[in-house]
Amino acid sequence: MKLIKAIIKPERFEFVKKALEDKGFNGMTISDVRGRGEQKGVTLEYRGGQYVVDSLPKIQLEIVVRDTDVDTLITTIMDSARTGKIGDGKIFILPVEKSIRIRTGETES
């Protein structure tokens, strides 16, 4: 099993969620996060002054899937989150040793 962490733009979240549901990926953890990458933030003007906002709002999705579903999941996220502009996000893939369902004690490795 793998843990997929995807950090995406907030305005692309509904598109990504719908695409994942259409492919049968219903379970996910969603977190509001802040961060920055190569874009190093944005410069805004307010009351005649310029302000640099260097940590931007993002959405982090965490999804655990079987090894056989990793490529489909990643392709789905990339296709639905991509705008072609800097700051589209990043996907991380981590190994998962075991999962345990709290309600039943059922395990999966």
N, C-alpha and C. Protein backbone atom coordinates (compact mmCIF):
# COMPACT_ATOMS: atom_id res chain seq x y z
N MET A 1 0.84 -1.18 0.00
CA MET A 1 0.00 0.00 0.00
C MET A 1 0.88 1.24 0.00
N LYS A 2 0.30 2.31 -0.50
CA LYS A 2 1.01 3.58 -0.56
C LYS A 2 0.12 4.70 -0.02
N LEU A 3 0.78 5.68 0.59
CA LEU A 3 0.12 6.92 1.00
C LEU A 3 0.47 7.97 -0.04
N ILE A 4 -0.54 8.52 -0.66
CA ILE A 4 -0.35 9.57 -1.65
C ILE A 4 -0.72 10.89 -0.98
N LYS A 5 0.22 11.82 -0.96
CA LYS A 5 -0.03 13.17 -0.46
C LYS A 5 0.04 14.10 -1.65
N ALA A 6 -1.04 14.79 -1.90
CA ALA A 6 -1.09 15.73 -3.01
C ALA A 6 -1.40 17.12 -2.46
N ILE A 7 -0.58 18.08 -2.83
CA ILE A 7 -0.80 19.46 -2.43
C ILE A 7 -1.21 20.22 -3.69
N ILE A 8 -2.43 20.79 -3.65
CA ILE A 8 -3.00 21.41 -4.85
C ILE A 8 -3.54 22.79 -4.53
N LYS A 9 -3.87 23.53 -5.59
CA LYS A 9 -4.48 24.85 -5.43
C LYS A 9 -5.91 24.67 -4.91
N PRO A 10 -6.35 25.52 -3.99
CA PRO A 10 -7.71 25.39 -3.44
C PRO A 10 -8.79 25.47 -4.52
N GLU A 11 -8.57 26.29 -5.53
CA GLU A 11 -9.61 26.45 -6.57
C GLU A 11 -9.74 25.21 -7.46
N ARG A 12 -8.80 24.28 -7.38
CA ARG A 12 -8.87 23.04 -8.18
C ARG A 12 -9.42 21.87 -7.37
N PHE A 13 -9.69 22.08 -6.08
CA PHE A 13 -10.10 20.98 -5.21
C PHE A 13 -11.37 20.28 -5.68
N GLU A 14 -12.40 21.02 -6.02
CA GLU A 14 -13.67 20.39 -6.42
C GLU A 14 -13.50 19.56 -7.70
N PHE A 15 -12.67 20.04 -8.62
CA PHE A 15 -12.41 19.28 -9.84
C PHE A 15 -11.69 17.97 -9.52
N VAL A 16 -10.71 18.05 -8.63
CA VAL A 16 -9.94 16.86 -8.24
C VAL A 16 -10.84 15.88 -7.50
N LYS A 17 -11.62 16.37 -6.56
CA LYS A 17 -12.51 15.50 -5.77
C LYS A 17 -13.49 14.76 -6.68
N LYS A 18 -14.09 15.47 -7.62
CA LYS A 18 -15.06 14.86 -8.54
C LYS A 18 -14.37 13.81 -9.41
N ALA A 19 -13.18 14.12 -9.93
CA ALA A 19 -12.45 13.17 -10.77
C ALA A 19 -12.09 11.91 -9.98
N LEU A 20 -11.67 12.08 -8.72
CA LEU A 20 -11.33 10.93 -7.89
C LEU A 20 -12.56 10.08 -7.61
N GLU A 21 -13.68 10.72 -7.29
CA GLU A 21 -14.92 9.97 -7.04
C GLU A 21 -15.35 9.21 -8.28
N ASP A 22 -15.21 9.82 -9.46
CA ASP A 22 -15.57 9.14 -10.70
C ASP A 22 -14.73 7.90 -10.95
N LYS A 23 -13.50 7.87 -10.44
CA LYS A 23 -12.61 6.71 -10.60
C LYS A 23 -12.75 5.72 -9.44
N GLY A 24 -13.63 6.02 -8.46
CA GLY A 24 -13.85 5.11 -7.35
C GLY A 24 -12.99 5.36 -6.13
N PHE A 25 -12.26 6.47 -6.10
CA PHE A 25 -11.46 6.83 -4.93
C PHE A 25 -12.29 7.77 -4.06
N ASN A 26 -12.99 7.21 -3.09
CA ASN A 26 -13.90 8.02 -2.26
C ASN A 26 -13.28 8.46 -0.94
N GLY A 27 -12.42 7.64 -0.36
CA GLY A 27 -11.85 7.95 0.94
C GLY A 27 -10.61 8.82 0.83
N MET A 28 -10.61 9.94 1.54
CA MET A 28 -9.45 10.83 1.53
C MET A 28 -9.50 11.72 2.76
N THR A 29 -8.35 12.17 3.18
CA THR A 29 -8.26 13.17 4.24
C THR A 29 -7.89 14.49 3.58
N ILE A 30 -8.61 15.54 3.94
CA ILE A 30 -8.44 16.84 3.31
C ILE A 30 -8.03 17.84 4.38
N SER A 31 -6.93 18.56 4.14
CA SER A 31 -6.44 19.55 5.09
C SER A 31 -6.19 20.87 4.38
N ASP A 32 -6.52 21.96 5.05
CA ASP A 32 -6.13 23.28 4.58
C ASP A 32 -4.72 23.53 5.09
N VAL A 33 -3.81 23.81 4.18
CA VAL A 33 -2.42 24.05 4.55
C VAL A 33 -1.93 25.33 3.88
N ARG A 34 -0.78 25.78 4.28
CA ARG A 34 -0.15 26.95 3.66
C ARG A 34 1.26 26.55 3.29
N GLY A 35 1.75 27.12 2.21
CA GLY A 35 3.10 26.79 1.81
C GLY A 35 3.57 27.64 0.65
N ARG A 36 4.76 27.34 0.21
CA ARG A 36 5.33 28.04 -0.93
C ARG A 36 6.30 27.12 -1.63
N GLY A 37 6.47 27.39 -2.88
CA GLY A 37 7.41 26.60 -3.68
C GLY A 37 8.25 27.54 -4.50
N GLU A 38 8.41 27.20 -5.76
CA GLU A 38 9.24 28.02 -6.63
C GLU A 38 8.67 29.42 -6.84
N GLN A 39 7.34 29.56 -6.70
CA GLN A 39 6.75 30.89 -6.96
C GLN A 39 7.10 31.89 -5.86
N LYS A 40 7.52 31.41 -4.69
CA LYS A 40 7.95 32.25 -3.58
C LYS A 40 6.92 33.30 -3.18
N GLY A 41 5.66 32.99 -3.32
CA GLY A 41 4.61 33.90 -2.89
C GLY A 41 4.20 34.88 -3.98
N VAL A 42 3.39 35.84 -3.58
CA VAL A 42 2.89 36.85 -4.51
C VAL A 42 3.03 38.22 -3.86
N THR A 43 3.07 39.26 -4.70
CA THR A 43 3.10 40.63 -4.20
C THR A 43 1.73 41.24 -4.42
N LEU A 44 1.14 41.77 -3.37
CA LEU A 44 -0.18 42.39 -3.44
C LEU A 44 -0.08 43.87 -3.12
N GLU A 45 -1.01 44.65 -3.64
CA GLU A 45 -1.07 46.06 -3.31
C GLU A 45 -2.28 46.31 -2.42
N TYR A 46 -2.07 47.07 -1.35
CA TYR A 46 -3.15 47.41 -0.44
C TYR A 46 -2.93 48.83 0.06
N ARG A 47 -3.89 49.68 -0.21
CA ARG A 47 -3.83 51.09 0.20
C ARG A 47 -2.52 51.76 -0.24
N GLY A 48 -2.15 51.50 -1.46
CA GLY A 48 -0.97 52.15 -2.02
C GLY A 48 0.35 51.52 -1.67
N GLY A 49 0.36 50.53 -0.80
CA GLY A 49 1.61 49.87 -0.43
C GLY A 49 1.66 48.47 -0.99
N GLN A 50 2.84 47.97 -1.16
CA GLN A 50 3.01 46.60 -1.65
C GLN A 50 3.37 45.68 -0.49
N TYR A 51 2.75 44.50 -0.51
CA TYR A 51 2.97 43.50 0.53
C TYR A 51 3.28 42.17 -0.14
N VAL A 52 4.26 41.49 0.39
CA VAL A 52 4.61 40.18 -0.13
C VAL A 52 3.97 39.12 0.76
N VAL A 53 3.16 38.27 0.15
CA VAL A 53 2.56 37.14 0.85
C VAL A 53 3.34 35.92 0.40
N ASP A 54 4.17 35.37 1.29
CA ASP A 54 5.06 34.30 0.85
C ASP A 54 4.63 32.91 1.27
N SER A 55 3.51 32.78 1.94
CA SER A 55 2.95 31.45 2.17
C SER A 55 1.50 31.49 1.69
N LEU A 56 1.24 30.67 0.70
CA LEU A 56 -0.05 30.69 0.02
C LEU A 56 -0.95 29.55 0.50
N PRO A 57 -2.27 29.76 0.49
CA PRO A 57 -3.18 28.68 0.88
C PRO A 57 -3.17 27.55 -0.14
N LYS A 58 -3.16 26.33 0.35
CA LYS A 58 -3.19 25.13 -0.48
C LYS A 58 -4.11 24.11 0.18
N ILE A 59 -4.46 23.08 -0.56
CA ILE A 59 -5.22 21.94 -0.03
C ILE A 59 -4.31 20.73 -0.09
N GLN A 60 -4.25 19.97 1.00
CA GLN A 60 -3.48 18.73 1.01
C GLN A 60 -4.44 17.55 1.10
N LEU A 61 -4.33 16.66 0.14
CA LEU A 61 -5.12 15.43 0.13
C LEU A 61 -4.21 14.28 0.54
N GLU A 62 -4.72 13.39 1.37
CA GLU A 62 -3.99 12.19 1.76
C GLU A 62 -4.89 11.00 1.45
N ILE A 63 -4.38 10.09 0.64
CA ILE A 63 -5.16 8.94 0.20
C ILE A 63 -4.27 7.71 0.27
N VAL A 64 -4.76 6.65 0.91
CA VAL A 64 -4.03 5.38 0.96
C VAL A 64 -4.68 4.44 -0.05
N VAL A 65 -3.84 3.88 -0.94
CA VAL A 65 -4.34 2.99 -1.98
C VAL A 65 -3.43 1.77 -2.10
N ARG A 66 -3.96 0.74 -2.75
CA ARG A 66 -3.16 -0.44 -3.06
C ARG A 66 -2.11 -0.06 -4.11
N ASP A 67 -1.02 -0.77 -4.12
CA ASP A 67 0.07 -0.49 -5.07
C ASP A 67 -0.43 -0.49 -6.51
N THR A 68 -1.39 -1.35 -6.82
CA THR A 68 -1.89 -1.46 -8.20
C THR A 68 -2.70 -0.23 -8.63
N ASP A 69 -3.18 0.58 -7.67
CA ASP A 69 -4.00 1.75 -7.99
C ASP A 69 -3.22 3.06 -8.02
N VAL A 70 -1.93 3.01 -7.69
CA VAL A 70 -1.14 4.24 -7.56
C VAL A 70 -1.10 5.04 -8.87
N ASP A 71 -0.79 4.39 -9.97
CA ASP A 71 -0.66 5.11 -11.24
C ASP A 71 -1.97 5.77 -11.67
N THR A 72 -3.09 5.06 -11.49
CA THR A 72 -4.40 5.62 -11.84
C THR A 72 -4.71 6.83 -10.98
N LEU A 73 -4.43 6.73 -9.68
CA LEU A 73 -4.70 7.83 -8.76
C LEU A 73 -3.86 9.06 -9.13
N ILE A 74 -2.59 8.86 -9.36
CA ILE A 74 -1.70 9.98 -9.68
C ILE A 74 -2.10 10.65 -10.99
N THR A 75 -2.40 9.86 -11.99
CA THR A 75 -2.83 10.42 -13.27
C THR A 75 -4.11 11.23 -13.11
N THR A 76 -5.04 10.72 -12.33
CA THR A 76 -6.30 11.41 -12.09
C THR A 76 -6.07 12.75 -11.40
N ILE A 77 -5.24 12.77 -10.38
CA ILE A 77 -4.94 14.02 -9.67
C ILE A 77 -4.25 15.01 -10.61
N MET A 78 -3.25 14.54 -11.33
CA MET A 78 -2.50 15.45 -12.22
C MET A 78 -3.41 16.04 -13.30
N ASP A 79 -4.23 15.20 -13.92
CA ASP A 79 -5.10 15.69 -15.00
C ASP A 79 -6.13 16.70 -14.51
N SER A 80 -6.63 16.51 -13.29
CA SER A 80 -7.70 17.39 -12.79
C SER A 80 -7.18 18.60 -12.03
N ALA A 81 -5.93 18.57 -11.55
CA ALA A 81 -5.38 19.70 -10.78
C ALA A 81 -4.55 20.64 -11.64
N ARG A 82 -4.10 20.17 -12.78
CA ARG A 82 -3.16 20.95 -13.61
C ARG A 82 -3.83 22.15 -14.26
N THR A 83 -3.20 23.32 -14.09
CA THR A 83 -3.60 24.53 -14.81
C THR A 83 -2.52 24.94 -15.80
N GLY A 84 -1.33 24.39 -15.64
CA GLY A 84 -0.21 24.74 -16.50
C GLY A 84 0.58 25.94 -16.01
N LYS A 85 0.19 26.46 -14.84
CA LYS A 85 0.88 27.62 -14.28
C LYS A 85 1.66 27.19 -13.05
N ILE A 86 2.66 27.98 -12.71
CA ILE A 86 3.47 27.68 -11.54
C ILE A 86 2.58 27.65 -10.30
N GLY A 87 2.87 26.74 -9.39
CA GLY A 87 2.09 26.63 -8.17
C GLY A 87 0.98 25.60 -8.25
N ASP A 88 0.93 24.78 -9.32
CA ASP A 88 -0.11 23.75 -9.44
C ASP A 88 -0.05 22.73 -8.32
N GLY A 89 1.13 22.50 -7.75
CA GLY A 89 1.21 21.60 -6.61
C GLY A 89 2.25 20.51 -6.80
N LYS A 90 2.17 19.53 -5.91
CA LYS A 90 3.15 18.44 -5.90
C LYS A 90 2.48 17.20 -5.32
N ILE A 91 2.97 16.03 -5.75
CA ILE A 91 2.46 14.75 -5.26
C ILE A 91 3.62 13.98 -4.65
N PHE A 92 3.40 13.41 -3.46
CA PHE A 92 4.40 12.59 -2.78
C PHE A 92 3.82 11.19 -2.60
N ILE A 93 4.67 10.18 -2.75
CA ILE A 93 4.26 8.79 -2.61
C ILE A 93 5.10 8.16 -1.51
N LEU A 94 4.42 7.64 -0.47
CA LEU A 94 5.12 7.05 0.67
C LEU A 94 4.62 5.63 0.90
N PRO A 95 5.49 4.73 1.37
CA PRO A 95 5.05 3.36 1.67
C PRO A 95 4.21 3.32 2.96
N VAL A 96 3.25 2.39 2.99
CA VAL A 96 2.42 2.16 4.19
C VAL A 96 2.59 0.70 4.57
N GLU A 97 3.02 0.45 5.80
CA GLU A 97 3.24 -0.93 6.26
C GLU A 97 1.93 -1.66 6.51
N LYS A 98 1.01 -1.00 7.20
CA LYS A 98 -0.21 -1.67 7.61
C LYS A 98 -1.27 -0.62 7.91
N SER A 99 -2.53 -0.96 7.67
CA SER A 99 -3.63 -0.11 8.11
C SER A 99 -4.56 -0.94 8.99
N ILE A 100 -5.14 -0.29 9.99
CA ILE A 100 -6.03 -0.96 10.94
C ILE A 100 -7.32 -0.16 11.04
N ARG A 101 -8.44 -0.82 10.77
CA ARG A 101 -9.75 -0.18 10.92
C ARG A 101 -10.10 -0.19 12.41
N ILE A 102 -10.28 0.97 12.99
CA ILE A 102 -10.51 1.09 14.43
C ILE A 102 -11.79 0.37 14.86
N ARG A 103 -12.86 0.54 14.10
CA ARG A 103 -14.16 -0.03 14.47
C ARG A 103 -14.11 -1.55 14.59
N THR A 104 -13.45 -2.24 13.63
CA THR A 104 -13.49 -3.70 13.60
C THR A 104 -12.17 -4.36 13.96
N GLY A 105 -11.08 -3.62 13.95
CA GLY A 105 -9.77 -4.20 14.17
C GLY A 105 -9.21 -4.87 12.93
N GLU A 106 -9.92 -4.82 11.83
CA GLU A 106 -9.48 -5.42 10.57
C GLU A 106 -8.18 -4.77 10.11
N THR A 107 -7.22 -5.59 9.69
CA THR A 107 -5.94 -5.07 9.23
C THR A 107 -5.74 -5.37 7.76
N GLU A 108 -4.92 -4.53 7.14
CA GLU A 108 -4.55 -4.73 5.75
C GLU A 108 -3.10 -4.33 5.60
N SER A 109 -2.32 -5.15 4.90
CA SER A 109 -0.93 -4.81 4.68
C SER A 109 -0.59 -4.88 3.21
